[in-house]
Amino acid sequence: MRKRKYDSIDRMVKTGRGMHALGLMSDEHMQRLGWGGIAPPGDLTPEEVRAIREEEDLNLYVFANMLNTTARLLRRYEQGMTRPTGPVLRLLHTIREQGMRNVFPLSSRALGGITKRPAGLPAGLVSEGPPREAADSA
């Protein structure tokens, strides 16, 4: 019977923990080893993918660009024709758990000092923070 890849990684992480406890492995190496043992995230339903995007009031094209994918593929995720996998799936889970503003922290300074949303720019892309002069004096 063929063993799953994750079983091998689990054994490797367990061995690494023992080596770390004995002082044979540094904290940094143990952290890197632990990253390899992260389980893949669960699947998202089409409704969940759409809800993540709509929660931030982003249009399909802007959100697809943020995920570094195409609007066509994002539409296919939302319609259930395909399921997100790999880095896109992990990023969607991270956005759902931590919020868009924590994953993509855009501020007015990052957008060239814009403090009010220009006409046509989707909500959620511009921080409605203090004007640039007030932020510089703080």
N, C-alpha and C. Protein backbone atom coordinates (compact mmCIF):
# COMPACT_ATOMS: atom_id res chain seq x y z
N MET A 1 0.84 -1.18 0.00
CA MET A 1 0.00 0.00 0.00
C MET A 1 0.89 1.24 0.00
N ARG A 2 0.54 2.19 -0.86
CA ARG A 2 1.32 3.41 -0.99
C ARG A 2 0.99 4.37 0.14
N LYS A 3 2.03 4.95 0.74
CA LYS A 3 1.81 5.91 1.82
C LYS A 3 1.57 7.28 1.24
N ARG A 4 0.71 8.02 1.91
CA ARG A 4 0.45 9.38 1.47
C ARG A 4 1.64 10.27 1.77
N LYS A 5 1.79 11.30 0.97
CA LYS A 5 2.90 12.24 1.14
C LYS A 5 2.85 12.89 2.53
N TYR A 6 1.66 13.19 3.01
CA TYR A 6 1.53 13.88 4.29
C TYR A 6 1.92 12.99 5.47
N ASP A 7 1.77 11.68 5.33
CA ASP A 7 2.22 10.77 6.38
C ASP A 7 3.74 10.86 6.53
N SER A 8 4.45 10.92 5.43
CA SER A 8 5.91 11.03 5.47
C SER A 8 6.33 12.35 6.09
N ILE A 9 5.65 13.42 5.74
CA ILE A 9 5.96 14.73 6.30
C ILE A 9 5.68 14.74 7.79
N ASP A 10 4.58 14.13 8.21
CA ASP A 10 4.26 14.06 9.64
C ASP A 10 5.36 13.34 10.41
N ARG A 11 5.86 12.24 9.86
CA ARG A 11 6.94 11.50 10.53
C ARG A 11 8.21 12.35 10.60
N MET A 12 8.49 13.08 9.52
CA MET A 12 9.67 13.93 9.48
C MET A 12 9.58 15.04 10.54
N VAL A 13 8.40 15.66 10.67
CA VAL A 13 8.21 16.72 11.66
C VAL A 13 8.33 16.14 13.06
N LYS A 14 7.78 14.95 13.30
CA LYS A 14 7.85 14.32 14.61
C LYS A 14 9.31 14.02 14.98
N THR A 15 10.08 13.53 14.01
CA THR A 15 11.50 13.27 14.25
C THR A 15 12.24 14.58 14.54
N GLY A 16 11.89 15.62 13.80
CA GLY A 16 12.51 16.93 14.01
C GLY A 16 12.22 17.47 15.40
N ARG A 17 11.01 17.26 15.90
CA ARG A 17 10.67 17.72 17.25
C ARG A 17 11.55 17.03 18.29
N GLY A 18 11.78 15.74 18.11
CA GLY A 18 12.67 15.01 19.02
C GLY A 18 14.09 15.53 18.97
N MET A 19 14.58 15.80 17.76
CA MET A 19 15.92 16.34 17.60
C MET A 19 16.02 17.73 18.22
N HIS A 20 14.96 18.53 18.06
CA HIS A 20 14.93 19.89 18.64
C HIS A 20 14.95 19.81 20.16
N ALA A 21 14.20 18.87 20.72
CA ALA A 21 14.15 18.71 22.17
C ALA A 21 15.52 18.31 22.73
N LEU A 22 16.30 17.57 21.95
CA LEU A 22 17.64 17.16 22.38
C LEU A 22 18.71 18.22 22.09
N GLY A 23 18.30 19.30 21.45
CA GLY A 23 19.25 20.36 21.14
C GLY A 23 20.05 20.12 19.87
N LEU A 24 19.63 19.16 19.07
CA LEU A 24 20.34 18.84 17.83
C LEU A 24 19.87 19.66 16.65
N MET A 25 18.79 20.45 16.85
CA MET A 25 18.24 21.26 15.78
C MET A 25 17.90 22.64 16.33
N SER A 26 18.26 23.67 15.59
CA SER A 26 18.01 25.04 16.05
C SER A 26 16.52 25.38 15.93
N ASP A 27 16.13 26.46 16.61
CA ASP A 27 14.74 26.91 16.54
C ASP A 27 14.36 27.28 15.11
N GLU A 28 15.27 27.94 14.41
CA GLU A 28 14.99 28.35 13.04
C GLU A 28 14.76 27.14 12.13
N HIS A 29 15.61 26.13 12.25
CA HIS A 29 15.43 24.93 11.44
C HIS A 29 14.14 24.20 11.78
N MET A 30 13.79 24.20 13.06
CA MET A 30 12.55 23.55 13.47
C MET A 30 11.34 24.28 12.90
N GLN A 31 11.41 25.61 12.89
CA GLN A 31 10.30 26.39 12.32
C GLN A 31 10.15 26.10 10.84
N ARG A 32 11.25 26.04 10.13
CA ARG A 32 11.20 25.74 8.69
C ARG A 32 10.65 24.33 8.44
N LEU A 33 11.06 23.41 9.27
CA LEU A 33 10.56 22.04 9.14
C LEU A 33 9.05 22.00 9.41
N GLY A 34 8.59 22.76 10.39
CA GLY A 34 7.17 22.82 10.71
C GLY A 34 6.34 23.37 9.57
N TRP A 35 6.90 24.32 8.83
CA TRP A 35 6.16 24.88 7.69
C TRP A 35 5.87 23.80 6.66
N GLY A 36 6.79 22.87 6.49
CA GLY A 36 6.59 21.79 5.53
C GLY A 36 5.49 20.84 5.96
N GLY A 37 5.19 20.81 7.25
CA GLY A 37 4.18 19.90 7.76
C GLY A 37 2.79 20.51 7.87
N ILE A 38 2.61 21.69 7.32
CA ILE A 38 1.30 22.33 7.36
C ILE A 38 0.35 21.56 6.45
N ALA A 39 -0.77 21.15 7.00
CA ALA A 39 -1.76 20.42 6.21
C ALA A 39 -2.41 21.34 5.17
N PRO A 40 -2.78 20.78 4.03
CA PRO A 40 -3.44 21.62 3.03
C PRO A 40 -4.81 22.07 3.53
N PRO A 41 -5.23 23.27 3.13
CA PRO A 41 -6.53 23.75 3.58
C PRO A 41 -7.67 22.97 2.93
N GLY A 42 -8.82 22.98 3.58
CA GLY A 42 -9.99 22.29 3.04
C GLY A 42 -10.56 23.02 1.84
N ASP A 43 -11.38 22.31 1.08
CA ASP A 43 -12.01 22.90 -0.09
C ASP A 43 -12.97 24.01 0.31
N LEU A 44 -13.18 24.95 -0.60
CA LEU A 44 -14.17 26.01 -0.43
C LEU A 44 -15.30 25.79 -1.42
N THR A 45 -16.51 26.02 -0.99
CA THR A 45 -17.65 25.92 -1.89
C THR A 45 -17.70 27.17 -2.76
N PRO A 46 -18.37 27.11 -3.89
CA PRO A 46 -18.51 28.31 -4.73
C PRO A 46 -19.13 29.48 -3.97
N GLU A 47 -20.08 29.19 -3.10
CA GLU A 47 -20.72 30.25 -2.31
C GLU A 47 -19.73 30.92 -1.37
N GLU A 48 -18.81 30.13 -0.80
CA GLU A 48 -17.80 30.69 0.10
C GLU A 48 -16.82 31.59 -0.65
N VAL A 49 -16.42 31.18 -1.85
CA VAL A 49 -15.51 32.00 -2.65
C VAL A 49 -16.18 33.33 -2.98
N ARG A 50 -17.42 33.28 -3.41
CA ARG A 50 -18.14 34.51 -3.74
C ARG A 50 -18.33 35.39 -2.50
N ALA A 51 -18.63 34.77 -1.35
CA ALA A 51 -18.84 35.54 -0.12
C ALA A 51 -17.58 36.27 0.31
N ILE A 52 -16.43 35.65 0.12
CA ILE A 52 -15.16 36.30 0.47
C ILE A 52 -15.00 37.58 -0.35
N ARG A 53 -15.27 37.48 -1.64
CA ARG A 53 -15.13 38.65 -2.52
C ARG A 53 -16.18 39.72 -2.21
N GLU A 54 -17.42 39.30 -2.04
CA GLU A 54 -18.49 40.27 -1.82
C GLU A 54 -18.42 40.93 -0.45
N GLU A 55 -17.83 40.25 0.52
CA GLU A 55 -17.69 40.84 1.86
C GLU A 55 -16.86 42.12 1.81
N GLU A 56 -15.91 42.18 0.90
CA GLU A 56 -15.07 43.36 0.75
C GLU A 56 -15.56 44.29 -0.35
N ASP A 57 -16.68 43.96 -0.96
CA ASP A 57 -17.27 44.78 -2.01
C ASP A 57 -16.30 45.02 -3.17
N LEU A 58 -15.63 43.94 -3.61
CA LEU A 58 -14.70 44.03 -4.72
C LEU A 58 -15.32 43.41 -5.96
N ASN A 59 -15.03 44.02 -7.11
CA ASN A 59 -15.53 43.40 -8.33
C ASN A 59 -14.65 42.23 -8.72
N LEU A 60 -15.12 41.44 -9.63
CA LEU A 60 -14.46 40.20 -10.03
C LEU A 60 -13.04 40.45 -10.53
N TYR A 61 -12.85 41.50 -11.33
CA TYR A 61 -11.56 41.77 -11.95
C TYR A 61 -10.51 42.21 -10.92
N VAL A 62 -10.90 43.05 -9.99
CA VAL A 62 -9.97 43.53 -8.97
C VAL A 62 -9.56 42.37 -8.05
N PHE A 63 -10.54 41.57 -7.63
CA PHE A 63 -10.23 40.46 -6.73
C PHE A 63 -9.37 39.42 -7.43
N ALA A 64 -9.65 39.14 -8.69
CA ALA A 64 -8.82 38.19 -9.45
C ALA A 64 -7.39 38.69 -9.54
N ASN A 65 -7.20 39.98 -9.76
CA ASN A 65 -5.87 40.56 -9.82
C ASN A 65 -5.16 40.42 -8.47
N MET A 66 -5.87 40.60 -7.38
CA MET A 66 -5.27 40.47 -6.05
C MET A 66 -4.85 39.02 -5.78
N LEU A 67 -5.58 38.07 -6.34
CA LEU A 67 -5.25 36.65 -6.17
C LEU A 67 -4.24 36.17 -7.21
N ASN A 68 -3.84 37.08 -8.11
CA ASN A 68 -2.90 36.76 -9.19
C ASN A 68 -3.45 35.65 -10.08
N THR A 69 -4.71 35.78 -10.44
CA THR A 69 -5.36 34.84 -11.34
C THR A 69 -6.20 35.65 -12.33
N THR A 70 -6.92 34.98 -13.19
CA THR A 70 -7.75 35.69 -14.16
C THR A 70 -9.18 35.78 -13.66
N ALA A 71 -9.90 36.77 -14.18
CA ALA A 71 -11.31 36.92 -13.82
C ALA A 71 -12.10 35.71 -14.30
N ARG A 72 -11.71 35.15 -15.43
CA ARG A 72 -12.41 33.97 -15.96
C ARG A 72 -12.29 32.79 -14.99
N LEU A 73 -11.08 32.56 -14.47
CA LEU A 73 -10.89 31.46 -13.54
C LEU A 73 -11.62 31.73 -12.22
N LEU A 74 -11.58 32.96 -11.74
CA LEU A 74 -12.31 33.29 -10.51
C LEU A 74 -13.82 33.09 -10.71
N ARG A 75 -14.32 33.44 -11.86
CA ARG A 75 -15.75 33.22 -12.16
C ARG A 75 -16.06 31.72 -12.15
N ARG A 76 -15.14 30.92 -12.68
CA ARG A 76 -15.34 29.46 -12.67
C ARG A 76 -15.35 28.92 -11.25
N TYR A 77 -14.52 29.49 -10.35
CA TYR A 77 -14.55 29.10 -8.94
C TYR A 77 -15.91 29.42 -8.34
N GLU A 78 -16.40 30.62 -8.62
CA GLU A 78 -17.66 31.07 -8.04
C GLU A 78 -18.87 30.33 -8.60
N GLN A 79 -18.75 29.80 -9.79
CA GLN A 79 -19.85 29.06 -10.39
C GLN A 79 -19.76 27.56 -10.12
N GLY A 80 -18.69 27.11 -9.48
CA GLY A 80 -18.54 25.71 -9.14
C GLY A 80 -18.05 24.84 -10.29
N MET A 81 -17.56 25.45 -11.35
CA MET A 81 -17.07 24.68 -12.49
C MET A 81 -15.69 24.08 -12.19
N THR A 82 -14.89 24.78 -11.42
CA THR A 82 -13.61 24.28 -10.94
C THR A 82 -13.46 24.71 -9.49
N ARG A 83 -12.52 24.12 -8.80
CA ARG A 83 -12.27 24.46 -7.39
C ARG A 83 -10.88 25.07 -7.26
N PRO A 84 -10.75 26.08 -6.43
CA PRO A 84 -9.42 26.66 -6.23
C PRO A 84 -8.49 25.64 -5.57
N THR A 85 -7.23 25.66 -5.97
CA THR A 85 -6.25 24.74 -5.41
C THR A 85 -4.96 25.52 -5.14
N GLY A 86 -4.04 24.89 -4.47
CA GLY A 86 -2.69 25.42 -4.26
C GLY A 86 -2.67 26.76 -3.54
N PRO A 87 -1.80 27.66 -4.01
CA PRO A 87 -1.65 28.95 -3.35
C PRO A 87 -2.92 29.79 -3.32
N VAL A 88 -3.73 29.71 -4.37
CA VAL A 88 -4.97 30.49 -4.40
C VAL A 88 -5.92 30.01 -3.29
N LEU A 89 -6.02 28.71 -3.10
CA LEU A 89 -6.87 28.17 -2.05
C LEU A 89 -6.37 28.61 -0.68
N ARG A 90 -5.06 28.54 -0.46
CA ARG A 90 -4.50 28.95 0.83
C ARG A 90 -4.73 30.44 1.05
N LEU A 91 -4.56 31.26 0.01
CA LEU A 91 -4.77 32.70 0.13
C LEU A 91 -6.22 33.02 0.43
N LEU A 92 -7.15 32.33 -0.22
CA LEU A 92 -8.58 32.54 0.07
C LEU A 92 -8.90 32.20 1.52
N HIS A 93 -8.35 31.11 2.03
CA HIS A 93 -8.57 30.76 3.43
C HIS A 93 -7.99 31.83 4.36
N THR A 94 -6.80 32.33 4.03
CA THR A 94 -6.17 33.36 4.85
C THR A 94 -6.99 34.63 4.85
N ILE A 95 -7.51 35.03 3.69
CA ILE A 95 -8.35 36.23 3.60
C ILE A 95 -9.61 36.03 4.43
N ARG A 96 -10.22 34.85 4.34
CA ARG A 96 -11.44 34.58 5.10
C ARG A 96 -11.18 34.62 6.60
N GLU A 97 -10.05 34.08 7.04
CA GLU A 97 -9.75 34.01 8.48
C GLU A 97 -9.24 35.34 9.05
N GLN A 98 -8.40 36.06 8.30
CA GLN A 98 -7.76 37.25 8.83
C GLN A 98 -8.33 38.56 8.31
N GLY A 99 -9.10 38.49 7.25
CA GLY A 99 -9.66 39.71 6.68
C GLY A 99 -8.78 40.27 5.58
N MET A 100 -9.42 40.90 4.63
CA MET A 100 -8.72 41.44 3.46
C MET A 100 -7.70 42.51 3.87
N ARG A 101 -8.06 43.37 4.81
CA ARG A 101 -7.17 44.47 5.19
C ARG A 101 -5.90 43.98 5.89
N ASN A 102 -5.94 42.82 6.52
CA ASN A 102 -4.74 42.27 7.15
C ASN A 102 -3.85 41.56 6.14
N VAL A 103 -4.45 41.01 5.10
CA VAL A 103 -3.67 40.31 4.08
C VAL A 103 -3.11 41.29 3.05
N PHE A 104 -3.91 42.27 2.65
CA PHE A 104 -3.51 43.31 1.70
C PHE A 104 -3.67 44.66 2.38
N PRO A 105 -2.72 45.07 3.22
CA PRO A 105 -2.89 46.31 3.98
C PRO A 105 -2.61 47.55 3.14
N LEU A 106 -3.59 47.96 2.37
CA LEU A 106 -3.46 49.18 1.58
C LEU A 106 -3.80 50.37 2.46
N SER A 107 -3.00 51.37 2.39
CA SER A 107 -3.27 52.58 3.14
C SER A 107 -3.33 53.74 2.17
N SER A 108 -3.76 54.88 2.64
CA SER A 108 -3.81 56.06 1.79
C SER A 108 -2.40 56.42 1.31
N ARG A 109 -1.40 56.19 2.14
CA ARG A 109 -0.02 56.49 1.76
C ARG A 109 0.42 55.58 0.61
N ALA A 110 0.02 54.30 0.65
CA ALA A 110 0.38 53.36 -0.41
C ALA A 110 -0.28 53.74 -1.73
N LEU A 111 -1.39 54.45 -1.66
CA LEU A 111 -2.10 54.86 -2.87
C LEU A 111 -1.79 56.31 -3.23
N GLY A 112 -0.68 56.83 -2.78
CA GLY A 112 -0.27 58.18 -3.15
C GLY A 112 -0.99 59.27 -2.39
N GLY A 113 -1.42 59.01 -1.17
CA GLY A 113 -2.05 60.04 -0.36
C GLY A 113 -3.54 60.19 -0.58
N ILE A 114 -4.15 59.32 -1.36
CA ILE A 114 -5.58 59.39 -1.59
C ILE A 114 -6.30 59.04 -0.30
N THR A 115 -7.19 59.90 0.16
CA THR A 115 -7.90 59.61 1.39
C THR A 115 -9.38 59.38 1.15
N LYS A 116 -9.90 59.82 0.04
CA LYS A 116 -11.30 59.57 -0.29
C LYS A 116 -11.33 58.72 -1.54
N ARG A 117 -12.32 57.87 -1.62
CA ARG A 117 -12.44 56.94 -2.74
C ARG A 117 -12.84 57.70 -3.99
N PRO A 118 -12.00 57.66 -5.04
CA PRO A 118 -12.38 58.30 -6.29
C PRO A 118 -13.56 57.59 -6.93
N ALA A 119 -14.31 58.33 -7.74
CA ALA A 119 -15.45 57.74 -8.43
C ALA A 119 -14.98 56.59 -9.30
N GLY A 120 -15.69 55.47 -9.22
CA GLY A 120 -15.36 54.31 -10.03
C GLY A 120 -14.42 53.33 -9.36
N LEU A 121 -13.78 53.73 -8.26
CA LEU A 121 -12.88 52.82 -7.55
C LEU A 121 -13.69 52.05 -6.54
N PRO A 122 -13.62 50.72 -6.56
CA PRO A 122 -14.43 49.91 -5.65
C PRO A 122 -14.12 50.21 -4.19
N ALA A 123 -15.15 50.12 -3.36
CA ALA A 123 -14.95 50.27 -1.92
C ALA A 123 -14.05 49.15 -1.44
N GLY A 124 -13.29 49.39 -0.39
CA GLY A 124 -12.41 48.39 0.15
C GLY A 124 -11.00 48.48 -0.40
N LEU A 125 -10.75 49.36 -1.38
CA LEU A 125 -9.41 49.50 -1.92
C LEU A 125 -8.67 50.68 -1.31
N VAL A 126 -9.39 51.61 -0.73
CA VAL A 126 -8.77 52.81 -0.19
C VAL A 126 -9.06 52.90 1.28
N SER A 127 -8.00 53.13 2.06
CA SER A 127 -8.18 53.34 3.49
C SER A 127 -8.77 54.73 3.70
N GLU A 128 -9.83 54.82 4.45
CA GLU A 128 -10.47 56.10 4.71
C GLU A 128 -9.83 56.75 5.93
N GLY A 129 -8.50 56.64 6.04
CA GLY A 129 -7.77 57.15 7.19
C GLY A 129 -7.59 58.65 7.15
N PRO A 130 -6.76 59.18 8.07
CA PRO A 130 -6.56 60.61 8.14
C PRO A 130 -5.81 61.12 6.92
N PRO A 131 -5.93 62.42 6.62
CA PRO A 131 -5.16 62.98 5.50
C PRO A 131 -3.67 62.80 5.72
N ARG A 132 -2.93 62.86 4.65
CA ARG A 132 -1.50 62.59 4.70
C ARG A 132 -0.76 63.51 5.66
N GLU A 133 -1.10 64.81 5.68
CA GLU A 133 -0.42 65.76 6.56
C GLU A 133 -0.63 65.37 8.02
N ALA A 134 -1.85 64.97 8.39
CA ALA A 134 -2.12 64.59 9.76
C ALA A 134 -1.37 63.32 10.15
N ALA A 135 -1.22 62.41 9.20
CA ALA A 135 -0.51 61.16 9.49
C ALA A 135 1.00 61.43 9.65
N ASP A 136 1.55 62.40 8.87
CA ASP A 136 2.96 62.70 8.98
C ASP A 136 3.32 63.37 10.30
N SER A 137 2.41 64.16 10.85
CA SER A 137 2.71 64.87 12.10
C SER A 137 2.57 63.97 13.31
N ALA A 138 1.93 62.80 13.17
CA ALA A 138 1.74 61.91 14.31
C ALA A 138 2.96 61.14 14.66
